[in-house]
Structure formats: structure tokens, C-alpha cells
PDB file of N, CA and C in Angstrom:
ATOM      1  N   UNK A   1      51.731  65.767  24.005  1.00  0.00           N
ATOM      2  CA  UNK A   1      51.639  66.581  25.066  1.00  0.00           C
ATOM      3  C   UNK A   1      52.662  65.682  25.751  1.00  0.00           C
ATOM      4  N   UNK A   2      53.389  66.612  26.420  1.00  0.00           N
ATOM      5  CA  UNK A   2      54.480  65.881  27.427  1.00  0.00           C
ATOM      6  C   UNK A   2      54.305  66.270  28.974  1.00  0.00           C
ATOM      7  N   UNK A   3      54.585  64.817  29.452  1.00  0.00           N
ATOM      8  CA  UNK A   3      53.995  65.047  31.155  1.00  0.00           C
ATOM      9  C   UNK A   3      55.375  64.952  31.628  1.00  0.00           C
ATOM     10  N   UNK A   4      55.028  65.578  33.074  1.00  0.00           N
ATOM     11  CA  UNK A   4      56.126  65.622  33.873  1.00  0.00           C
ATOM     12  C   UNK A   4      56.051  65.312  35.458  1.00  0.00           C
ATOM     13  N   UNK A   5      56.513  63.992  36.030  1.00  0.00           N
ATOM     14  CA  UNK A   5      56.374  63.668  37.489  1.00  0.00           C
ATOM     15  C   UNK A   5      57.385  63.920  37.795  1.00  0.00           C
ATOM     16  N   UNK A   6      57.139  64.627  38.818  1.00  0.00           N
ATOM     17  CA  UNK A   6      58.359  64.989  39.836  1.00  0.00           C
ATOM     18  C   UNK A   6      58.003  64.150  41.347  1.00  0.00           C
ATOM     19  N   UNK A   7      59.410  63.995  41.865  1.00  0.00           N
ATOM     20  CA  UNK A   7      59.640  63.174  43.092  1.00  0.00           C
ATOM     21  C   UNK A   7      60.905  63.801  43.986  1.00  0.00           C
ATOM     22  N   UNK A   8      60.490  63.129  45.306  1.00  0.00           N
ATOM     23  CA  UNK A   8      62.442  63.364  46.204  1.00  0.00           C
ATOM     24  C   UNK A   8      61.407  64.560  46.630  1.00  0.00           C
ATOM     25  N   UNK A   9      60.669  65.564  46.681  1.00  0.00           N
ATOM     26  CA  UNK A   9      60.345  66.297  47.782  1.00  0.00           C
ATOM     27  C   UNK A   9      60.269  65.597  49.433  1.00  0.00           C
ATOM     28  N   UNK A  10      59.998  66.522  50.075  1.00  0.00           N
ATOM     29  CA  UNK A  10      60.129  66.102  51.451  1.00  0.00           C
ATOM     30  C   UNK A  10      60.455  67.098  52.490  1.00  0.00           C
ATOM     31  N   UNK A  11      60.191  66.695  53.969  1.00  0.00           N
ATOM     32  CA  UNK A  11      60.554  67.865  54.921  1.00  0.00           C
ATOM     33  C   UNK A  11      62.193  67.353  55.688  1.00  0.00           C
ATOM     34  N   UNK A  12      63.352  68.506  55.805  1.00  0.00           N
ATOM     35  CA  UNK A  12      64.284  68.146  55.930  1.00  0.00           C
ATOM     36  C   UNK A  12      64.698  68.962  56.886  1.00  0.00           C
ATOM     37  N   UNK A  13      65.812  68.802  57.846  1.00  0.00           N
ATOM     38  CA  UNK A  13      66.218  69.692  58.906  1.00  0.00           C
ATOM     39  C   UNK A  13      67.506  70.780  58.181  1.00  0.00           C
ATOM     40  N   UNK A  14      67.753  71.678  58.685  1.00  0.00           N
ATOM     41  CA  UNK A  14      68.387  72.740  57.946  1.00  0.00           C
ATOM     42  C   UNK A  14      70.083  72.126  57.658  1.00  0.00           C
ATOM     43  N   UNK A  15      70.307  72.357  56.808  1.00  0.00           N
ATOM     44  CA  UNK A  15      72.079  71.477  56.707  1.00  0.00           C
ATOM     45  C   UNK A  15      71.639  70.190  55.804  1.00  0.00           C
ATOM     46  N   UNK A  16      70.621  69.762  55.828  1.00  0.00           N
ATOM     47  CA  UNK A  16      70.104  68.433  55.253  1.00  0.00           C
ATOM     48  C   UNK A  16      69.878  68.323  53.804  1.00  0.00           C
ATOM     49  N   UNK A  17      69.919  67.455  52.813  1.00  0.00           N
ATOM     50  CA  UNK A  17      70.209  67.443  51.531  1.00  0.00           C
ATOM     51  C   UNK A  17      68.452  67.050  51.190  1.00  0.00           C
ATOM     52  N   UNK A  18      68.405  67.148  49.581  1.00  0.00           N
ATOM     53  CA  UNK A  18      67.418  66.274  48.637  1.00  0.00           C
ATOM     54  C   UNK A  18      67.571  66.422  47.769  1.00  0.00           C
ATOM     55  N   UNK A  19      67.550  64.965  47.138  1.00  0.00           N
ATOM     56  CA  UNK A  19      67.489  65.321  45.598  1.00  0.00           C
ATOM     57  C   UNK A  19      66.110  65.188  44.611  1.00  0.00           C
ATOM     58  N   UNK A  20      65.680  66.110  44.047  1.00  0.00           N
ATOM     59  CA  UNK A  20      64.372  66.028  43.009  1.00  0.00           C
ATOM     60  C   UNK A  20      64.787  65.676  42.111  1.00  0.00           C
ATOM     61  N   UNK A  21      63.736  64.692  41.362  1.00  0.00           N
ATOM     62  CA  UNK A  21      63.781  64.289  40.323  1.00  0.00           C
ATOM     63  C   UNK A  21      62.568  64.328  39.292  1.00  0.00           C
ATOM     64  N   UNK A  22      62.554  64.563  38.066  1.00  0.00           N
ATOM     65  CA  UNK A  22      61.931  65.203  37.161  1.00  0.00           C
ATOM     66  C   UNK A  22      61.878  64.213  36.020  1.00  0.00           C
ATOM     67  N   UNK A  23      60.864  63.309  35.607  1.00  0.00           N
ATOM     68  CA  UNK A  23      60.735  62.365  34.846  1.00  0.00           C
ATOM     69  C   UNK A  23      59.537  62.988  33.421  1.00  0.00           C
ATOM     70  N   UNK A  24      60.221  62.438  32.599  1.00  0.00           N
ATOM     71  CA  UNK A  24      59.417  63.316  31.279  1.00  0.00           C
ATOM     72  C   UNK A  24      58.904  61.973  30.210  1.00  0.00           C
ATOM     73  N   UNK A  25      57.583  62.392  29.990  1.00  0.00           N
ATOM     74  CA  UNK A  25      57.275  60.753  28.897  1.00  0.00           C
ATOM     75  C   UNK A  25      57.715  60.927  27.706  1.00  0.00           C
ATOM     76  N   UNK A  26      58.580  61.906  27.476  1.00  0.00           N
ATOM     77  CA  UNK A  26      59.030  61.590  25.908  1.00  0.00           C
ATOM     78  C   UNK A  26      60.782  62.267  26.616  1.00  0.00           C
ATOM     79  N   UNK A  27      61.341  61.731  25.127  1.00  0.00           N
ATOM     80  CA  UNK A  27      62.772  61.992  25.060  1.00  0.00           C
ATOM     81  C   UNK A  27      62.990  63.171  25.394  1.00  0.00           C
ATOM     82  N   UNK A  28      64.286  63.631  26.753  1.00  0.00           N
ATOM     83  CA  UNK A  28      64.580  65.115  26.933  1.00  0.00           C
ATOM     84  C   UNK A  28      65.142  65.723  25.722  1.00  0.00           C
ATOM     85  N   UNK A  29      65.925  64.771  24.731  1.00  0.00           N
ATOM     86  CA  UNK A  29      66.864  65.521  23.911  1.00  0.00           C
ATOM     87  C   UNK A  29      65.988  66.184  23.026  1.00  0.00           C
ATOM     88  N   UNK A  30      64.505  66.384  23.209  1.00  0.00           N
ATOM     89  CA  UNK A  30      63.463  66.910  22.434  1.00  0.00           C
ATOM     90  C   UNK A  30      63.551  68.395  22.917  1.00  0.00           C
ATOM     91  N   UNK A  31      63.903  68.483  23.960  1.00  0.00           N
ATOM     92  CA  UNK A  31      63.582  69.868  24.856  1.00  0.00           C
ATOM     93  C   UNK A  31      64.973  70.614  24.918  1.00  0.00           C
ATOM     94  N   UNK A  32      64.658  72.055  24.309  1.00  0.00           N
ATOM     95  CA  UNK A  32      66.047  73.159  24.386  1.00  0.00           C
ATOM     96  C   UNK A  32      66.604  73.270  25.653  1.00  0.00           C
ATOM     97  N   UNK A  33      65.465  73.367  26.592  1.00  0.00           N
ATOM     98  CA  UNK A  33      66.012  73.515  28.128  1.00  0.00           C
ATOM     99  C   UNK A  33      65.303  73.229  29.093  1.00  0.00           C
ATOM    100  N   UNK A  34      65.362  72.600  30.128  1.00  0.00           N
ATOM    101  CA  UNK A  34      65.025  71.576  31.386  1.00  0.00           C
ATOM    102  C   UNK A  34      65.471  72.637  32.807  1.00  0.00           C
ATOM    103  N   UNK A  35      64.395  72.679  33.420  1.00  0.00           N
ATOM    104  CA  UNK A  35      64.753  73.783  34.810  1.00  0.00           C
ATOM    105  C   UNK A  35      64.135  73.686  35.560  1.00  0.00           C
ATOM    106  N   UNK A  36      64.194  74.253  36.856  1.00  0.00           N
ATOM    107  CA  UNK A  36      63.364  73.984  38.420  1.00  0.00           C
ATOM    108  C   UNK A  36      63.423  75.119  38.876  1.00  0.00           C
ATOM    109  N   UNK A  37      61.638  75.500  39.109  1.00  0.00           N
ATOM    110  CA  UNK A  37      61.182  76.545  39.399  1.00  0.00           C
ATOM    111  C   UNK A  37      60.745  76.412  41.030  1.00  0.00           C
ATOM    112  N   UNK A  38      60.741  77.485  41.553  1.00  0.00           N
ATOM    113  CA  UNK A  38      60.400  77.169  43.232  1.00  0.00           C
ATOM    114  C   UNK A  38      59.433  78.502  43.476  1.00  0.00           C
ATOM    115  N   UNK A  39      58.273  78.347  44.078  1.00  0.00           N
ATOM    116  CA  UNK A  39      57.381  79.392  44.687  1.00  0.00           C
ATOM    117  C   UNK A  39      57.289  79.295  45.860  1.00  0.00           C
ATOM    118  N   UNK A  40      57.360  80.224  46.883  1.00  0.00           N
ATOM    119  CA  UNK A  40      57.357  79.702  48.110  1.00  0.00           C
ATOM    120  C   UNK A  40      55.621  80.843  48.718  1.00  0.00           C
ATOM    121  N   UNK A  41      55.361  80.771  49.665  1.00  0.00           N
ATOM    122  CA  UNK A  41      54.298  81.315  50.159  1.00  0.00           C
ATOM    123  C   UNK A  41      54.127  82.942  49.977  1.00  0.00           C
ATOM    124  N   UNK A  42      53.227  83.163  49.195  1.00  0.00           N
ATOM    125  CA  UNK A  42      53.370  84.591  49.091  1.00  0.00           C
ATOM    126  C   UNK A  42      54.041  85.286  48.229  1.00  0.00           C
ATOM    127  N   UNK A  43      54.868  84.728  47.439  1.00  0.00           N
ATOM    128  CA  UNK A  43      55.525  84.923  46.417  1.00  0.00           C
ATOM    129  C   UNK A  43      55.831  84.712  45.442  1.00  0.00           C
ATOM    130  N   UNK A  44      56.711  85.335  44.611  1.00  0.00           N
ATOM    131  CA  UNK A  44      56.738  84.831  42.937  1.00  0.00           C
ATOM    132  C   UNK A  44      57.263  83.690  42.799  1.00  0.00           C
ATOM    133  N   UNK A  45      56.906  83.238  41.577  1.00  0.00           N
ATOM    134  CA  UNK A  45      57.593  81.765  41.386  1.00  0.00           C
ATOM    135  C   UNK A  45      59.157  81.980  40.623  1.00  0.00           C
ATOM    136  N   UNK A  46      59.704  81.622  41.072  1.00  0.00           N
ATOM    137  CA  UNK A  46      61.473  82.115  40.644  1.00  0.00           C
ATOM    138  C   UNK A  46      62.337  81.120  40.112  1.00  0.00           C
ATOM    139  N   UNK A  47      63.178  81.240  39.106  1.00  0.00           N
ATOM    140  CA  UNK A  47      63.754  80.299  38.432  1.00  0.00           C
ATOM    141  C   UNK A  47      65.151  79.562  39.451  1.00  0.00           C
ATOM    142  N   UNK A  48      65.372  78.450  39.764  1.00  0.00           N
ATOM    143  CA  UNK A  48      66.374  78.078  40.440  1.00  0.00           C
ATOM    144  C   UNK A  48      67.530  77.635  39.762  1.00  0.00           C
ATOM    145  N   UNK A  49      67.269  76.617  38.988  1.00  0.00           N
ATOM    146  CA  UNK A  49      68.488  76.434  38.067  1.00  0.00           C
ATOM    147  C   UNK A  49      67.634  75.857  36.625  1.00  0.00           C
ATOM    148  N   UNK A  50      68.660  75.642  35.594  1.00  0.00           N
ATOM    149  CA  UNK A  50      68.527  75.123  34.299  1.00  0.00           C
ATOM    150  C   UNK A  50      69.291  74.733  33.678  1.00  0.00           C
ATOM    151  N   UNK A  51      68.843  73.068  32.765  1.00  0.00           N
ATOM    152  CA  UNK A  51      70.045  73.217  31.608  1.00  0.00           C
ATOM    153  C   UNK A  51      69.901  73.194  30.873  1.00  0.00           C
ATOM    154  N   UNK A  52      70.503  73.330  29.359  1.00  0.00           N
ATOM    155  CA  UNK A  52      70.177  72.895  28.387  1.00  0.00           C
ATOM    156  C   UNK A  52      70.387  72.047  27.496  1.00  0.00           C
ATOM    157  N   UNK A  53      70.059  71.729  26.593  1.00  0.00           N
ATOM    158  CA  UNK A  53      70.167  70.700  25.610  1.00  0.00           C
ATOM    159  C   UNK A  53      71.795  70.098  25.573  1.00  0.00           C
ATOM    160  N   UNK A  54      72.880  71.088  25.156  1.00  0.00           N
ATOM    161  CA  UNK A  54      73.710  71.016  24.751  1.00  0.00           C
ATOM    162  C   UNK A  54      74.944  71.070  26.581  1.00  0.00           C
ATOM    163  N   UNK A  55      73.951  71.008  27.607  1.00  0.00           N
ATOM    164  CA  UNK A  55      74.697  70.988  28.850  1.00  0.00           C
ATOM    165  C   UNK A  55      74.856  72.167  29.881  1.00  0.00           C
ATOM    166  N   UNK A  56      74.697  73.061  29.337  1.00  0.00           N
ATOM    167  CA  UNK A  56      75.193  74.639  29.972  1.00  0.00           C
ATOM    168  C   UNK A  56      74.025  74.883  30.686  1.00  0.00           C
ATOM    169  N   UNK A  57      74.623  75.208  32.367  1.00  0.00           N
ATOM    170  CA  UNK A  57      73.855  75.430  33.476  1.00  0.00           C
ATOM    171  C   UNK A  57      73.571  76.749  33.829  1.00  0.00           C
ATOM    172  N   UNK A  58      72.529  77.327  34.150  1.00  0.00           N
ATOM    173  CA  UNK A  58      72.479  78.618  34.926  1.00  0.00           C
ATOM    174  C   UNK A  58      71.991  78.368  36.642  1.00  0.00           C
ATOM    175  N   UNK A  59      72.371  79.052  37.660  1.00  0.00           N
ATOM    176  CA  UNK A  59      71.682  78.961  38.922  1.00  0.00           C
ATOM    177  C   UNK A  59      71.420  80.112  39.273  1.00  0.00           C
ATOM    178  N   UNK A  60      70.821  80.610  40.329  1.00  0.00           N
ATOM    179  CA  UNK A  60      70.244  81.391  40.397  1.00  0.00           C
ATOM    180  C   UNK A  60      70.980  81.981  42.303  1.00  0.00           C
ATOM    181  N   UNK A  61      71.392  83.156  42.316  1.00  0.00           N
ATOM    182  CA  UNK A  61      72.753  83.421  43.028  1.00  0.00           C
ATOM    183  C   UNK A  61      72.367  82.692  44.264  1.00  0.00           C
ATOM    184  N   UNK A  62      71.139  82.863  44.354  1.00  0.00           N
ATOM    185  CA  UNK A  62      70.850  82.094  46.129  1.00  0.00           C
ATOM    186  C   UNK A  62      70.987  80.838  46.512  1.00  0.00           C
ATOM    187  N   UNK A  63      71.386  80.006  45.538  1.00  0.00           N
ATOM    188  CA  UNK A  63      71.559  78.547  45.438  1.00  0.00           C
ATOM    189  C   UNK A  63      73.288  78.386  44.857  1.00  0.00           C
ATOM    190  N   UNK A  64      73.699  79.293  44.078  1.00  0.00           N
ATOM    191  CA  UNK A  64      75.404  78.544  43.818  1.00  0.00           C
ATOM    192  C   UNK A  64      76.043  78.236  45.007  1.00  0.00           C
ATOM    193  N   UNK A  65      76.532  76.959  44.590  1.00  0.00           N
ATOM    194  CA  UNK A  65      77.313  76.011  45.159  1.00  0.00           C
ATOM    195  C   UNK A  65      76.845  75.263  46.508  1.00  0.00           C
ATOM    196  N   UNK A  66      75.248  75.123  46.264  1.00  0.00           N
ATOM    197  CA  UNK A  66      74.545  74.033  46.826  1.00  0.00           C
ATOM    198  C   UNK A  66      73.889  73.232  46.479  1.00  0.00           C
ATOM    199  N   UNK A  67      73.185  74.030  45.256  1.00  0.00           N
ATOM    200  CA  UNK A  67      72.453  72.941  44.136  1.00  0.00           C
ATOM    201  C   UNK A  67      73.327  72.712  43.113  1.00  0.00           C
ATOM    202  N   UNK A  68      73.023  71.435  42.553  1.00  0.00           N
ATOM    203  CA  UNK A  68      73.667  70.796  41.356  1.00  0.00           C
ATOM    204  C   UNK A  68      72.026  70.366  40.273  1.00  0.00           C
ATOM    205  N   UNK A  69      72.238  71.242  39.308  1.00  0.00           N
ATOM    206  CA  UNK A  69      71.087  70.687  38.114  1.00  0.00           C
ATOM    207  C   UNK A  69      71.866  69.533  37.110  1.00  0.00           C
ATOM    208  N   UNK A  70      71.493  68.122  37.104  1.00  0.00           N
ATOM    209  CA  UNK A  70      71.968  67.300  36.250  1.00  0.00           C
ATOM    210  C   UNK A  70      70.555  66.610  35.376  1.00  0.00           C
ATOM    211  N   UNK A  71      71.208  65.586  33.722  1.00  0.00           N
ATOM    212  CA  UNK A  71      69.986  65.334  33.606  1.00  0.00           C
ATOM    213  C   UNK A  71      70.686  64.024  33.072  1.00  0.00           C
ATOM    214  N   UNK A  72      69.869  62.917  33.216  1.00  0.00           N
ATOM    215  CA  UNK A  72      70.177  61.621  32.491  1.00  0.00           C
ATOM    216  C   UNK A  72      69.168  61.240  31.219  1.00  0.00           C
ATOM    217  N   UNK A  73      69.733  61.618  29.746  1.00  0.00           N
ATOM    218  CA  UNK A  73      69.144  61.458  28.702  1.00  0.00           C
ATOM    219  C   UNK A  73      68.618  60.078  28.454  1.00  0.00           C
ATOM    220  N   UNK A  74      69.325  58.996  28.949  1.00  0.00           N
ATOM    221  CA  UNK A  74      68.834  57.421  28.886  1.00  0.00           C
ATOM    222  C   UNK A  74      67.664  57.397  29.657  1.00  0.00           C
ATOM    223  N   UNK A  75      67.342  58.267  30.552  1.00  0.00           N
ATOM    224  CA  UNK A  75      66.053  58.240  31.552  1.00  0.00           C
ATOM    225  C   UNK A  75      65.084  58.993  31.605  1.00  0.00           C
ATOM    226  N   UNK A  76      65.552  60.156  30.828  1.00  0.00           N
ATOM    227  CA  UNK A  76      64.636  61.061  30.029  1.00  0.00           C
ATOM    228  C   UNK A  76      63.863  61.793  31.413  1.00  0.00           C
ATOM    229  N   UNK A  77      65.110  62.409  32.407  1.00  0.00           N
ATOM    230  CA  UNK A  77      64.861  62.530  33.907  1.00  0.00           C
ATOM    231  C   UNK A  77      65.935  63.819  34.263  1.00  0.00           C
ATOM    232  N   UNK A  78      65.508  64.678  34.897  1.00  0.00           N
ATOM    233  CA  UNK A  78      66.512  65.944  35.251  1.00  0.00           C
ATOM    234  C   UNK A  78      66.448  65.550  36.416  1.00  0.00           C
ATOM    235  N   UNK A  79      67.510  66.236  37.374  1.00  0.00           N
ATOM    236  CA  UNK A  79      67.423  65.626  38.548  1.00  0.00           C
ATOM    237  C   UNK A  79      67.784  67.458  39.318  1.00  0.00           C
ATOM    238  N   UNK A  80      67.554  67.741  40.554  1.00  0.00           N
ATOM    239  CA  UNK A  80      68.159  69.091  41.266  1.00  0.00           C
ATOM    240  C   UNK A  80      68.688  68.338  42.424  1.00  0.00           C
ATOM    241  N   UNK A  81      69.763  68.408  42.704  1.00  0.00           N
ATOM    242  CA  UNK A  81      70.611  67.768  44.208  1.00  0.00           C
ATOM    243  C   UNK A  81      70.500  69.123  44.967  1.00  0.00           C
ATOM    244  N   UNK A  82      69.940  69.304  46.180  1.00  0.00           N
ATOM    245  CA  UNK A  82      70.123  70.074  47.004  1.00  0.00           C
ATOM    246  C   UNK A  82      70.619  70.123  48.179  1.00  0.00           C
ATOM    247  N   UNK A  83      71.836  70.530  48.675  1.00  0.00           N
ATOM    248  CA  UNK A  83      72.649  70.372  49.690  1.00  0.00           C
ATOM    249  C   UNK A  83      72.727  71.851  50.951  1.00  0.00           C
ATOM    250  N   UNK A  84      72.929  71.288  51.544  1.00  0.00           N
ATOM    251  CA  UNK A  84      73.198  72.338  52.758  1.00  0.00           C
ATOM    252  C   UNK A  84      71.789  73.492  52.808  1.00  0.00           C
ATOM    253  N   UNK A  85      70.826  72.856  52.667  1.00  0.00           N
ATOM    254  CA  UNK A  85      69.394  73.354  52.626  1.00  0.00           C
ATOM    255  C   UNK A  85      69.058  73.889  53.580  1.00  0.00           C
ATOM    256  N   UNK A  86      68.656  75.081  53.365  1.00  0.00           N
ATOM    257  CA  UNK A  86      68.197  76.295  54.575  1.00  0.00           C
ATOM    258  C   UNK A  86      66.783  76.466  54.495  1.00  0.00           C
ATOM    259  N   UNK A  87      65.912  77.015  55.673  1.00  0.00           N
ATOM    260  CA  UNK A  87      64.606  77.140  55.438  1.00  0.00           C
ATOM    261  C   UNK A  87      63.916  78.127  54.526  1.00  0.00           C
ATOM    262  N   UNK A  88      65.351  78.815  54.213  1.00  0.00           N
ATOM    263  CA  UNK A  88      64.677  79.698  53.159  1.00  0.00           C
ATOM    264  C   UNK A  88      64.403  79.263  51.904  1.00  0.00           C
ATOM    265  N   UNK A  89      64.949  78.058  51.826  1.00  0.00           N
ATOM    266  CA  UNK A  89      64.646  77.250  50.489  1.00  0.00           C
ATOM    267  C   UNK A  89      63.598  76.639  50.578  1.00  0.00           C
ATOM    268  N   UNK A  90      62.433  76.821  51.612  1.00  0.00           N
ATOM    269  CA  UNK A  90      61.058  75.924  51.868  1.00  0.00           C
ATOM    270  C   UNK A  90      60.338  76.619  50.433  1.00  0.00           C
ATOM    271  N   UNK A  91      59.328  75.571  49.492  1.00  0.00           N
ATOM    272  CA  UNK A  91      58.734  76.516  48.756  1.00  0.00           C
ATOM    273  C   UNK A  91      58.329  74.926  48.010  1.00  0.00           C
ATOM    274  N   UNK A  92      57.240  75.253  46.848  1.00  0.00           N
ATOM    275  CA  UNK A  92      57.064  73.893  45.928  1.00  0.00           C
ATOM    276  C   UNK A  92      58.099  74.419  44.648  1.00  0.00           C
ATOM    277  N   UNK A  93      58.599  73.399  44.489  1.00  0.00           N
ATOM    278  CA  UNK A  93      59.543  73.155  43.542  1.00  0.00           C
ATOM    279  C   UNK A  93      58.568  72.366  42.062  1.00  0.00           C
ATOM    280  N   UNK A  94      58.940  73.272  41.133  1.00  0.00           N
ATOM    281  CA  UNK A  94      58.297  72.740  39.996  1.00  0.00           C
ATOM    282  C   UNK A  94      59.480  72.712  38.700  1.00  0.00           C
ATOM    283  N   UNK A  95      58.718  71.781  37.944  1.00  0.00           N
ATOM    284  CA  UNK A  95      59.873  71.180  37.130  1.00  0.00           C
ATOM    285  C   UNK A  95      59.204  71.764  35.498  1.00  0.00           C
ATOM    286  N   UNK A  96      59.858  72.381  34.656  1.00  0.00           N
ATOM    287  CA  UNK A  96      59.478  73.055  33.832  1.00  0.00           C
ATOM    288  C   UNK A  96      60.635  72.490  32.363  1.00  0.00           C
ATOM    289  N   UNK A  97      59.941  72.524  31.186  1.00  0.00           N
ATOM    290  CA  UNK A  97      60.712  71.830  30.087  1.00  0.00           C
ATOM    291  C   UNK A  97      60.352  72.918  28.699  1.00  0.00           C
ATOM    292  N   UNK A  98      61.050  73.078  28.271  1.00  0.00           N
ATOM    293  CA  UNK A  98      61.276  73.995  26.780  1.00  0.00           C
ATOM    294  C   UNK A  98      61.522  73.514  25.655  1.00  0.00           C
ATOM    295  N   UNK A  99      60.688  74.085  24.701  1.00  0.00           N
ATOM    296  CA  UNK A  99      61.442  73.568  23.073  1.00  0.00           C
ATOM    297  C   UNK A  99      60.572  74.533  22.522  1.00  0.00           C
ATOM    298  N   UNK A 100      61.747  74.542  21.179  1.00  0.00           N
ATOM    299  CA  UNK A 100      61.564  75.400  20.104  1.00  0.00           C
ATOM    300  C   UNK A 100      60.741  74.357  18.653  1.00  0.00           C
ATOM    301  N   UNK A 101      59.691  74.531  18.354  1.00  0.00           N
ATOM    302  CA  UNK A 101      59.208  74.183  17.410  1.00  0.00           C
ATOM    303  C   UNK A 101      57.900  75.053  16.514  1.00  0.00           C
ATOM    304  N   UNK A 102      58.542  75.314  15.463  1.00  0.00           N
ATOM    305  CA  UNK A 102      57.520  76.618  14.686  1.00  0.00           C
ATOM    306  C   UNK A 102      57.532  77.853  15.618  1.00  0.00           C
ATOM    307  N   UNK A 103      57.259  77.459  17.031  1.00  0.00           N
ATOM    308  CA  UNK A 103      56.981  78.342  18.062  1.00  0.00           C
ATOM    309  C   UNK A 103      57.489  77.939  19.324  1.00  0.00           C
ATOM    310  N   UNK A 104      57.692  78.560  20.477  1.00  0.00           N
ATOM    311  CA  UNK A 104      58.074  78.565  21.439  1.00  0.00           C
ATOM    312  C   UNK A 104      57.138  77.628  22.496  1.00  0.00           C
ATOM    313  N   UNK A 105      57.245  76.505  23.122  1.00  0.00           N
ATOM    314  CA  UNK A 105      56.328  75.164  23.906  1.00  0.00           C
ATOM    315  C   UNK A 105      56.937  75.099  25.226  1.00  0.00           C
ATOM    316  N   UNK A 106      56.197  74.826  26.359  1.00  0.00           N
ATOM    317  CA  UNK A 106      56.472  74.938  27.432  1.00  0.00           C
ATOM    318  C   UNK A 106      55.517  74.168  28.211  1.00  0.00           C
ATOM    319  N   UNK A 107      56.126  73.258  28.963  1.00  0.00           N
ATOM    320  CA  UNK A 107      55.784  72.130  29.905  1.00  0.00           C
ATOM    321  C   UNK A 107      55.815  72.682  31.754  1.00  0.00           C
ATOM    322  N   UNK A 108      54.805  72.291  32.223  1.00  0.00           N
ATOM    323  CA  UNK A 108      55.135  72.286  34.089  1.00  0.00           C
ATOM    324  C   UNK A 108      54.853  71.024  34.958  1.00  0.00           C
ATOM    325  N   UNK A 109      55.819  71.058  35.542  1.00  0.00           N
ATOM    326  CA  UNK A 109      55.419  69.492  36.306  1.00  0.00           C
ATOM    327  C   UNK A 109      53.986  69.967  37.482  1.00  0.00           C
ATOM    328  N   UNK A 110      53.671  68.978  38.238  1.00  0.00           N
ATOM    329  CA  UNK A 110      52.590  69.186  39.118  1.00  0.00           C
ATOM    330  C   UNK A 110      52.802  70.054  40.658  1.00  0.00           C
ATOM    331  N   UNK A 111      54.649  70.141  40.711  1.00  0.00           N
ATOM    332  CA  UNK A 111      54.886  70.224  41.630  1.00  0.00           C
ATOM    333  C   UNK A 111      55.218  69.663  43.062  1.00  0.00           C
ATOM    334  N   UNK A 112      56.847  69.745  43.688  1.00  0.00           N
ATOM    335  CA  UNK A 112      56.764  68.912  45.008  1.00  0.00           C
ATOM    336  C   UNK A 112      57.369  69.850  46.305  1.00  0.00           C
ATOM    337  N   UNK A 113      56.627  69.812  47.396  1.00  0.00           N
ATOM    338  CA  UNK A 113      56.920  69.993  48.176  1.00  0.00           C
ATOM    339  C   UNK A 113      58.145  69.962  49.075  1.00  0.00           C
ATOM    340  N   UNK A 114      59.452  71.211  49.314  1.00  0.00           N
ATOM    341  CA  UNK A 114      60.177  71.051  50.023  1.00  0.00           C
ATOM    342  C   UNK A 114      60.094  71.916  51.472  1.00  0.00           C
ATOM    343  N   UNK A 115      60.012  71.464  52.469  1.00  0.00           N
ATOM    344  CA  UNK A 115      60.196  71.838  53.860  1.00  0.00           C
ATOM    345  C   UNK A 115      61.607  71.435  54.462  1.00  0.00           C
ATOM    346  N   UNK A 116      61.957  73.139  55.071  1.00  0.00           N
ATOM    347  CA  UNK A 116      63.267  72.932  55.526  1.00  0.00           C
ATOM    348  C   UNK A 116      63.474  73.299  56.716  1.00  0.00           C
ATOM    349  N   UNK A 117      63.135  72.523  57.826  1.00  0.00           N
ATOM    350  CA  UNK A 117      63.135  73.031  58.974  1.00  0.00           C
ATOM    351  C   UNK A 117      64.391  73.468  59.792  1.00  0.00           C
ATOM    352  N   UNK A 118      64.071  74.503  60.727  1.00  0.00           N
ATOM    353  CA  UNK A 118      65.527  75.263  61.448  1.00  0.00           C
ATOM    354  C   UNK A 118      65.735  74.439  62.527  1.00  0.00           C
TER     355      UNK A 118
END
């Protein structure tokens, strides 16, 4: 069973920056995809960004140019650098990993709160 531990959330003013970290209990080279989702109050969970094992990235339109996803294979960690934060970025951010072994498998982190004040 894979464990994911997120950190780096907090309270920041609009225009500020935060870096989220997601440390996995196993080598992230095992995963086909790693990503960050977020869920704001009374809204559905949405994909923010993800990165494949080969390094291809995807960003939601709302965060393009402001957020950067990266991975450190040696530390089994994926990061989400968030710059120029806006109040509408306020949400609980969840780390997610997926891998294929006979069938598709995935695991979620516990979530970390990001609050952006105006």
C-alpha cells in the first residue's frame, strides 16, 4: 500500500507563493502519473496539474503560467510550486498517484489546506 504525505499548505496573501510537497512511501518511478487536485467548498474536486513518469505535464487552464509541477525521483516527492496566488485558488489540495499493474490503481493523500486572502 502506498502512503502519500502532503505538506506546504497554509495562509498566504493574494500574489504570494506556496510550494506543496507530496512524499510517497515507495519509489515514484512505479507510478504512471502523479498529480495535484483541489476541492473548494461546495465545488467538485478538479485536476490542477499532473506529470507522467516520462515527465509530460498537464495544467488546468486556470493555473497555467502560475503553477509548476515537478518531481524529484531520488526523494520520491512531487511538488507543486504555486505563484501569483489568487483567492479563487483557496481549496484543499490533494496529491494523487496512479499506476497500471494488471489493472489501474490509485491512491490519494490526506489533503492540505491552501487559503489565499485578498
